[in-house]
Amino acid sequence: MLKVIVTRADVTTEEVGEALRQGLGSTRLFRAEVTISRRSEETVLHVIAGGYGLVVRPLNRFWIAERVRRVLQTAPGLRSGATGSGV
């Protein structure tokens, strides 16, 4: 699972959705799920590859989920202390 840590505890789903819309546009052929975990001083965005099968899921993991992570990590609205991780 990939994750992005934003050093703000008040990140909203709307901010995450807007960052993804701005960074990805319309990508409906592939799937990745983003979950939000809030801690006292930070928000952790977990990016999970979706899809079924031996071809689709690894493709989503190494291409789409990684792209989603990069978009969230570099999004101007989330940039305040955002760090990324492959763990």
N, C-alpha and C. Protein backbone atom coordinates (compact mmCIF):
# COMPACT_ATOMS: atom_id res chain seq x y z
N MET A 1 0.84 -1.17 0.00
CA MET A 1 0.00 0.00 0.00
C MET A 1 0.89 1.24 0.00
N LEU A 2 0.56 2.17 -0.84
CA LEU A 2 1.28 3.44 -0.91
C LEU A 2 0.60 4.43 0.02
N LYS A 3 1.36 5.39 0.52
CA LYS A 3 0.73 6.40 1.37
C LYS A 3 1.39 7.75 1.17
N VAL A 4 0.60 8.77 1.46
CA VAL A 4 1.06 10.15 1.45
C VAL A 4 0.69 10.73 2.81
N ILE A 5 1.65 11.35 3.47
CA ILE A 5 1.40 11.97 4.77
C ILE A 5 1.39 13.47 4.59
N VAL A 6 0.29 14.09 4.99
CA VAL A 6 0.14 15.55 4.92
C VAL A 6 0.17 16.06 6.35
N THR A 7 1.04 17.00 6.64
CA THR A 7 1.20 17.48 8.01
C THR A 7 0.12 18.50 8.38
N ARG A 8 -1.10 18.14 8.08
CA ARG A 8 -2.29 18.89 8.48
C ARG A 8 -3.32 17.86 8.91
N ALA A 9 -3.95 18.07 10.02
CA ALA A 9 -4.95 17.11 10.49
C ALA A 9 -6.33 17.38 9.90
N ASP A 10 -6.49 18.49 9.17
CA ASP A 10 -7.82 18.90 8.71
C ASP A 10 -8.04 18.71 7.20
N VAL A 11 -7.33 17.80 6.56
CA VAL A 11 -7.52 17.55 5.13
C VAL A 11 -8.91 16.95 4.92
N THR A 12 -9.65 17.50 3.98
CA THR A 12 -11.01 17.03 3.72
C THR A 12 -11.07 16.12 2.49
N THR A 13 -12.15 15.37 2.39
CA THR A 13 -12.34 14.52 1.21
C THR A 13 -12.49 15.39 -0.03
N GLU A 14 -13.07 16.57 0.13
CA GLU A 14 -13.22 17.48 -1.01
C GLU A 14 -11.86 17.93 -1.54
N GLU A 15 -10.93 18.22 -0.64
CA GLU A 15 -9.58 18.61 -1.06
C GLU A 15 -8.88 17.47 -1.81
N VAL A 16 -9.02 16.26 -1.29
CA VAL A 16 -8.41 15.09 -1.94
C VAL A 16 -9.04 14.87 -3.31
N GLY A 17 -10.37 14.94 -3.38
CA GLY A 17 -11.05 14.76 -4.67
C GLY A 17 -10.65 15.81 -5.68
N GLU A 18 -10.56 17.06 -5.26
CA GLU A 18 -10.16 18.13 -6.15
C GLU A 18 -8.72 17.94 -6.64
N ALA A 19 -7.84 17.54 -5.75
CA ALA A 19 -6.44 17.29 -6.13
C ALA A 19 -6.37 16.18 -7.18
N LEU A 20 -7.17 15.14 -7.01
CA LEU A 20 -7.17 14.04 -7.97
C LEU A 20 -7.77 14.47 -9.30
N ARG A 21 -8.86 15.24 -9.27
CA ARG A 21 -9.45 15.73 -10.52
C ARG A 21 -8.47 16.61 -11.28
N GLN A 22 -7.79 17.51 -10.57
CA GLN A 22 -6.83 18.40 -11.21
C GLN A 22 -5.63 17.64 -11.77
N GLY A 23 -5.16 16.66 -11.02
CA GLY A 23 -3.94 15.96 -11.41
C GLY A 23 -4.12 14.81 -12.37
N LEU A 24 -5.30 14.19 -12.35
CA LEU A 24 -5.51 13.01 -13.18
C LEU A 24 -6.47 13.22 -14.33
N GLY A 25 -7.38 14.16 -14.21
CA GLY A 25 -8.41 14.30 -15.22
C GLY A 25 -9.36 13.13 -15.10
N SER A 26 -9.80 12.61 -16.23
CA SER A 26 -10.75 11.48 -16.23
C SER A 26 -10.02 10.20 -16.61
N THR A 27 -9.85 9.33 -15.64
CA THR A 27 -9.20 8.04 -15.87
C THR A 27 -10.15 6.97 -15.34
N ARG A 28 -11.08 6.55 -16.15
CA ARG A 28 -12.11 5.62 -15.70
C ARG A 28 -11.79 4.16 -16.00
N LEU A 29 -10.74 3.90 -16.74
CA LEU A 29 -10.43 2.52 -17.11
C LEU A 29 -9.71 1.76 -16.02
N PHE A 30 -9.12 2.47 -15.09
CA PHE A 30 -8.33 1.83 -14.05
C PHE A 30 -8.87 2.24 -12.69
N ARG A 31 -8.40 1.55 -11.65
CA ARG A 31 -8.98 1.80 -10.33
C ARG A 31 -7.91 1.86 -9.25
N ALA A 32 -8.07 2.83 -8.37
CA ALA A 32 -7.29 2.93 -7.14
C ALA A 32 -8.20 3.53 -6.09
N GLU A 33 -8.06 3.07 -4.88
CA GLU A 33 -8.87 3.57 -3.76
C GLU A 33 -7.98 4.40 -2.85
N VAL A 34 -8.52 5.52 -2.37
CA VAL A 34 -7.80 6.36 -1.43
C VAL A 34 -8.60 6.41 -0.13
N THR A 35 -7.95 6.02 0.97
CA THR A 35 -8.59 6.13 2.28
C THR A 35 -7.87 7.21 3.08
N ILE A 36 -8.61 7.86 3.96
CA ILE A 36 -8.07 8.97 4.74
C ILE A 36 -8.07 8.58 6.21
N SER A 37 -6.90 8.68 6.84
CA SER A 37 -6.76 8.45 8.28
C SER A 37 -6.23 9.72 8.90
N ARG A 38 -6.95 10.24 9.88
CA ARG A 38 -6.52 11.47 10.55
C ARG A 38 -5.86 11.14 11.88
N ARG A 39 -4.75 11.78 12.12
CA ARG A 39 -4.04 11.69 13.39
C ARG A 39 -4.03 13.08 14.00
N SER A 40 -3.45 13.23 15.17
CA SER A 40 -3.49 14.52 15.87
C SER A 40 -2.87 15.66 15.07
N GLU A 41 -1.76 15.43 14.41
CA GLU A 41 -1.06 16.51 13.70
C GLU A 41 -0.95 16.29 12.19
N GLU A 42 -1.50 15.19 11.68
CA GLU A 42 -1.32 14.89 10.27
C GLU A 42 -2.48 14.06 9.73
N THR A 43 -2.53 13.98 8.42
CA THR A 43 -3.50 13.14 7.72
C THR A 43 -2.72 12.18 6.86
N VAL A 44 -3.08 10.91 6.90
CA VAL A 44 -2.42 9.89 6.08
C VAL A 44 -3.40 9.47 4.99
N LEU A 45 -2.97 9.60 3.75
CA LEU A 45 -3.77 9.18 2.60
C LEU A 45 -3.20 7.86 2.11
N HIS A 46 -3.97 6.80 2.24
CA HIS A 46 -3.53 5.47 1.79
C HIS A 46 -4.06 5.24 0.38
N VAL A 47 -3.18 4.86 -0.53
CA VAL A 47 -3.57 4.59 -1.91
C VAL A 47 -3.48 3.09 -2.13
N ILE A 48 -4.62 2.49 -2.48
CA ILE A 48 -4.72 1.04 -2.63
C ILE A 48 -5.11 0.73 -4.07
N ALA A 49 -4.35 -0.12 -4.73
CA ALA A 49 -4.64 -0.52 -6.10
C ALA A 49 -5.90 -1.37 -6.12
N GLY A 50 -6.73 -1.17 -7.13
CA GLY A 50 -7.95 -1.95 -7.27
C GLY A 50 -7.88 -2.84 -8.49
N GLY A 51 -8.97 -3.54 -8.75
CA GLY A 51 -9.06 -4.40 -9.92
C GLY A 51 -8.88 -5.85 -9.58
N TYR A 52 -9.28 -6.68 -10.51
CA TYR A 52 -9.19 -8.12 -10.35
C TYR A 52 -8.28 -8.71 -11.42
N GLY A 53 -7.72 -9.85 -11.13
CA GLY A 53 -6.95 -10.57 -12.13
C GLY A 53 -5.45 -10.39 -11.97
N LEU A 54 -4.74 -11.28 -12.62
CA LEU A 54 -3.29 -11.29 -12.54
C LEU A 54 -2.63 -10.17 -13.32
N VAL A 55 -3.36 -9.59 -14.27
CA VAL A 55 -2.78 -8.51 -15.07
C VAL A 55 -3.24 -7.15 -14.58
N VAL A 56 -4.52 -6.99 -14.32
CA VAL A 56 -5.08 -5.68 -13.99
C VAL A 56 -4.58 -5.14 -12.65
N ARG A 57 -4.60 -5.96 -11.61
CA ARG A 57 -4.22 -5.47 -10.28
C ARG A 57 -2.75 -5.02 -10.23
N PRO A 58 -1.78 -5.82 -10.72
CA PRO A 58 -0.39 -5.32 -10.73
C PRO A 58 -0.21 -4.07 -11.59
N LEU A 59 -0.92 -4.01 -12.71
CA LEU A 59 -0.86 -2.81 -13.55
C LEU A 59 -1.36 -1.60 -12.78
N ASN A 60 -2.47 -1.75 -12.08
CA ASN A 60 -2.99 -0.65 -11.26
C ASN A 60 -2.03 -0.29 -10.14
N ARG A 61 -1.38 -1.28 -9.54
CA ARG A 61 -0.45 -1.03 -8.42
C ARG A 61 0.76 -0.23 -8.87
N PHE A 62 1.38 -0.64 -9.96
CA PHE A 62 2.64 -0.02 -10.37
C PHE A 62 2.47 1.19 -11.29
N TRP A 63 1.27 1.38 -11.82
CA TRP A 63 1.08 2.51 -12.73
C TRP A 63 0.08 3.50 -12.15
N ILE A 64 -1.17 3.08 -11.98
CA ILE A 64 -2.22 3.99 -11.55
C ILE A 64 -2.05 4.41 -10.09
N ALA A 65 -1.88 3.45 -9.18
CA ALA A 65 -1.75 3.81 -7.76
C ALA A 65 -0.52 4.68 -7.52
N GLU A 66 0.56 4.40 -8.20
CA GLU A 66 1.77 5.23 -8.07
C GLU A 66 1.52 6.63 -8.61
N ARG A 67 0.79 6.72 -9.71
CA ARG A 67 0.46 8.03 -10.28
C ARG A 67 -0.45 8.81 -9.32
N VAL A 68 -1.42 8.15 -8.73
CA VAL A 68 -2.31 8.78 -7.75
C VAL A 68 -1.49 9.30 -6.57
N ARG A 69 -0.54 8.49 -6.08
CA ARG A 69 0.30 8.91 -4.97
C ARG A 69 1.09 10.16 -5.32
N ARG A 70 1.68 10.18 -6.52
CA ARG A 70 2.46 11.35 -6.94
C ARG A 70 1.59 12.60 -7.06
N VAL A 71 0.39 12.44 -7.59
CA VAL A 71 -0.52 13.58 -7.72
C VAL A 71 -0.86 14.14 -6.34
N LEU A 72 -1.18 13.27 -5.39
CA LEU A 72 -1.51 13.73 -4.05
C LEU A 72 -0.31 14.36 -3.35
N GLN A 73 0.85 13.79 -3.59
CA GLN A 73 2.07 14.30 -2.94
C GLN A 73 2.44 15.69 -3.43
N THR A 74 2.13 15.99 -4.68
CA THR A 74 2.52 17.28 -5.26
C THR A 74 1.36 18.26 -5.41
N ALA A 75 0.16 17.89 -4.97
CA ALA A 75 -1.00 18.77 -5.10
C ALA A 75 -0.79 20.05 -4.30
N PRO A 76 -0.99 21.21 -4.93
CA PRO A 76 -0.77 22.48 -4.23
C PRO A 76 -1.59 22.61 -2.95
N GLY A 77 -2.83 22.18 -2.96
CA GLY A 77 -3.68 22.30 -1.79
C GLY A 77 -3.29 21.38 -0.64
N LEU A 78 -2.54 20.33 -0.95
CA LEU A 78 -2.12 19.37 0.07
C LEU A 78 -0.62 19.45 0.34
N ARG A 79 0.06 20.32 -0.36
CA ARG A 79 1.51 20.36 -0.36
C ARG A 79 2.13 20.66 1.00
N SER A 80 1.41 21.27 1.88
CA SER A 80 1.96 21.66 3.17
C SER A 80 2.53 20.45 3.91
N GLY A 81 3.77 20.16 3.66
CA GLY A 81 4.44 19.07 4.37
C GLY A 81 4.12 17.68 3.86
N ALA A 82 3.58 17.53 2.65
CA ALA A 82 3.23 16.21 2.15
C ALA A 82 4.49 15.41 1.85
N THR A 83 4.50 14.17 2.31
CA THR A 83 5.59 13.25 2.01
C THR A 83 4.97 11.96 1.50
N GLY A 84 5.71 11.24 0.67
CA GLY A 84 5.18 10.00 0.12
C GLY A 84 6.00 8.82 0.54
N SER A 85 5.37 7.65 0.46
CA SER A 85 6.04 6.43 0.85
C SER A 85 5.46 5.27 0.07
N GLY A 86 6.30 4.30 -0.21
CA GLY A 86 5.85 3.09 -0.86
C GLY A 86 5.41 2.03 0.11
N VAL A 87 5.34 2.36 1.38
CA VAL A 87 4.97 1.38 2.40
C VAL A 87 3.59 1.67 2.91
